[in-house]
Amino acid sequence: MEDLNELTDLFLQCKTCYEYFVFDVFEQAYFAERGLHQPKRCKNCRNGANSGDSNENESKQTTVTCASCGVETTVPFKPRKAVFCKLCYTQGRDVSTEE
């Protein structure tokens, strides 16, 4: 392990939020002792990514209307074409065959 006096704080850019964060000498020593690489994400982004925060996932949900049966549902993306509810999708319904 390197002597703490030989290390200096590093300013790294987070790969997720692009903010700069300090990788201080104590963290560097901790990572070095365990054979870990320097972090690529700030503490906030690391904690958020590991927590499985459901609020983050909920905010990415989009409410849509099924193109086949008209029921309202949510999808985890912004659709660019017709979207089907789970039931219609699994039954293979097609908009062109339904009237």
Protein backbone atom coordinates (compact mmCIF):
# COMPACT_ATOMS: atom_id res chain seq x y z
CA MET A 1 0.00 0.00 0.00
CA GLU A 2 1.13 3.49 -0.82
CA ASP A 3 1.91 5.92 1.98
CA LEU A 4 -0.93 8.45 2.43
CA ASN A 5 1.64 11.25 2.21
CA GLU A 6 2.43 10.20 -1.37
CA LEU A 7 -1.20 10.39 -2.49
CA THR A 8 -3.15 13.50 -3.46
CA ASP A 9 -6.87 14.02 -3.89
CA LEU A 10 -8.07 13.32 -7.42
CA PHE A 11 -10.92 15.07 -9.23
CA LEU A 12 -12.77 12.55 -11.35
CA GLN A 13 -15.75 13.00 -13.65
CA CYS A 14 -18.77 10.75 -13.03
CA LYS A 15 -19.71 8.61 -16.04
CA THR A 16 -23.41 8.83 -15.12
CA CYS A 17 -24.14 12.45 -14.14
CA TYR A 18 -20.92 14.01 -15.56
CA GLU A 19 -20.33 15.97 -12.35
CA TYR A 20 -16.83 16.11 -10.89
CA PHE A 21 -16.21 14.45 -7.53
CA VAL A 22 -13.23 14.12 -5.19
CA PHE A 23 -11.57 10.72 -4.84
CA ASP A 24 -9.68 11.57 -1.65
CA VAL A 25 -6.50 9.98 -0.34
CA PHE A 26 -8.36 7.85 2.22
CA GLU A 27 -10.67 6.41 -0.43
CA GLN A 28 -7.67 5.79 -2.68
CA ALA A 29 -5.92 3.88 0.10
CA TYR A 30 -9.09 1.87 0.79
CA PHE A 31 -9.51 0.97 -2.89
CA ALA A 32 -5.80 0.12 -3.25
CA GLU A 33 -5.83 -2.19 -0.19
CA ARG A 34 -8.63 -4.18 -1.77
CA GLY A 35 -7.21 -4.19 -5.30
CA LEU A 36 -10.10 -2.10 -6.65
CA HIS A 37 -9.93 0.31 -9.58
CA GLN A 38 -10.73 3.96 -9.00
CA PRO A 39 -14.49 4.65 -9.17
CA LYS A 40 -16.12 5.73 -12.41
CA ARG A 41 -19.23 7.14 -10.73
CA CYS A 42 -19.73 9.57 -7.85
CA LYS A 43 -21.08 8.30 -4.51
CA ASN A 44 -24.61 9.53 -5.25
CA CYS A 45 -24.76 7.68 -8.57
CA ARG A 46 -23.13 4.55 -7.10
CA ASN A 47 -25.63 4.50 -4.24
CA GLY A 48 -28.57 5.14 -6.56
CA ALA A 49 -27.50 2.42 -8.98
CA ASN A 50 -27.08 -0.15 -6.20
CA SER A 51 -30.27 0.64 -4.29
CA GLY A 52 -32.69 -0.35 -7.04
CA ASP A 53 -34.66 2.77 -6.22
CA SER A 54 -38.20 2.16 -7.45
CA ASN A 55 -38.96 5.89 -7.69
CA GLU A 56 -36.40 6.21 -10.44
CA ASN A 57 -38.01 3.36 -12.39
CA GLU A 58 -41.51 4.74 -11.89
CA SER A 59 -40.53 8.10 -13.34
CA LYS A 60 -39.51 6.38 -16.58
CA GLN A 61 -42.94 4.78 -17.04
CA THR A 62 -45.14 6.15 -19.85
CA THR A 63 -48.93 5.79 -19.83
CA VAL A 64 -50.24 4.53 -23.18
CA THR A 65 -53.43 3.15 -24.70
CA CYS A 66 -53.33 -0.37 -26.13
CA ALA A 67 -53.57 -0.20 -29.92
CA SER A 68 -55.75 -3.32 -29.99
CA CYS A 69 -58.24 -3.24 -27.10
CA GLY A 70 -57.97 0.39 -25.95
CA VAL A 71 -57.10 -0.36 -22.33
CA GLU A 72 -54.76 2.08 -20.57
CA THR A 73 -51.41 0.62 -19.49
CA THR A 74 -47.83 1.73 -18.75
CA VAL A 75 -44.57 0.91 -20.48
CA PRO A 76 -40.97 1.54 -19.35
CA PHE A 77 -40.09 3.52 -22.50
CA LYS A 78 -41.40 6.28 -24.78
CA PRO A 79 -43.09 4.46 -27.65
CA ARG A 80 -42.56 5.51 -31.26
CA LYS A 81 -45.21 3.21 -32.70
CA ALA A 82 -48.29 1.22 -31.66
CA VAL A 83 -48.11 -0.38 -28.21
CA PHE A 84 -50.13 -3.31 -26.89
CA CYS A 85 -51.17 -4.20 -23.35
CA LYS A 86 -49.68 -7.37 -21.87
CA LEU A 87 -52.77 -9.48 -22.65
CA CYS A 88 -53.00 -8.41 -26.30
CA TYR A 89 -49.25 -8.78 -26.76
CA THR A 90 -49.18 -12.32 -25.37
CA GLN A 91 -52.24 -13.31 -27.40
CA GLY A 92 -50.64 -11.94 -30.57
CA ARG A 93 -53.51 -9.61 -31.40
CA ASP A 94 -53.00 -7.30 -34.35
CA VAL A 95 -54.56 -3.88 -34.85
CA SER A 96 -55.31 -4.63 -38.51
CA THR A 97 -57.33 -7.80 -37.70
CA GLU A 98 -59.48 -6.24 -34.95
CA GLU A 99 -62.45 -3.99 -35.74
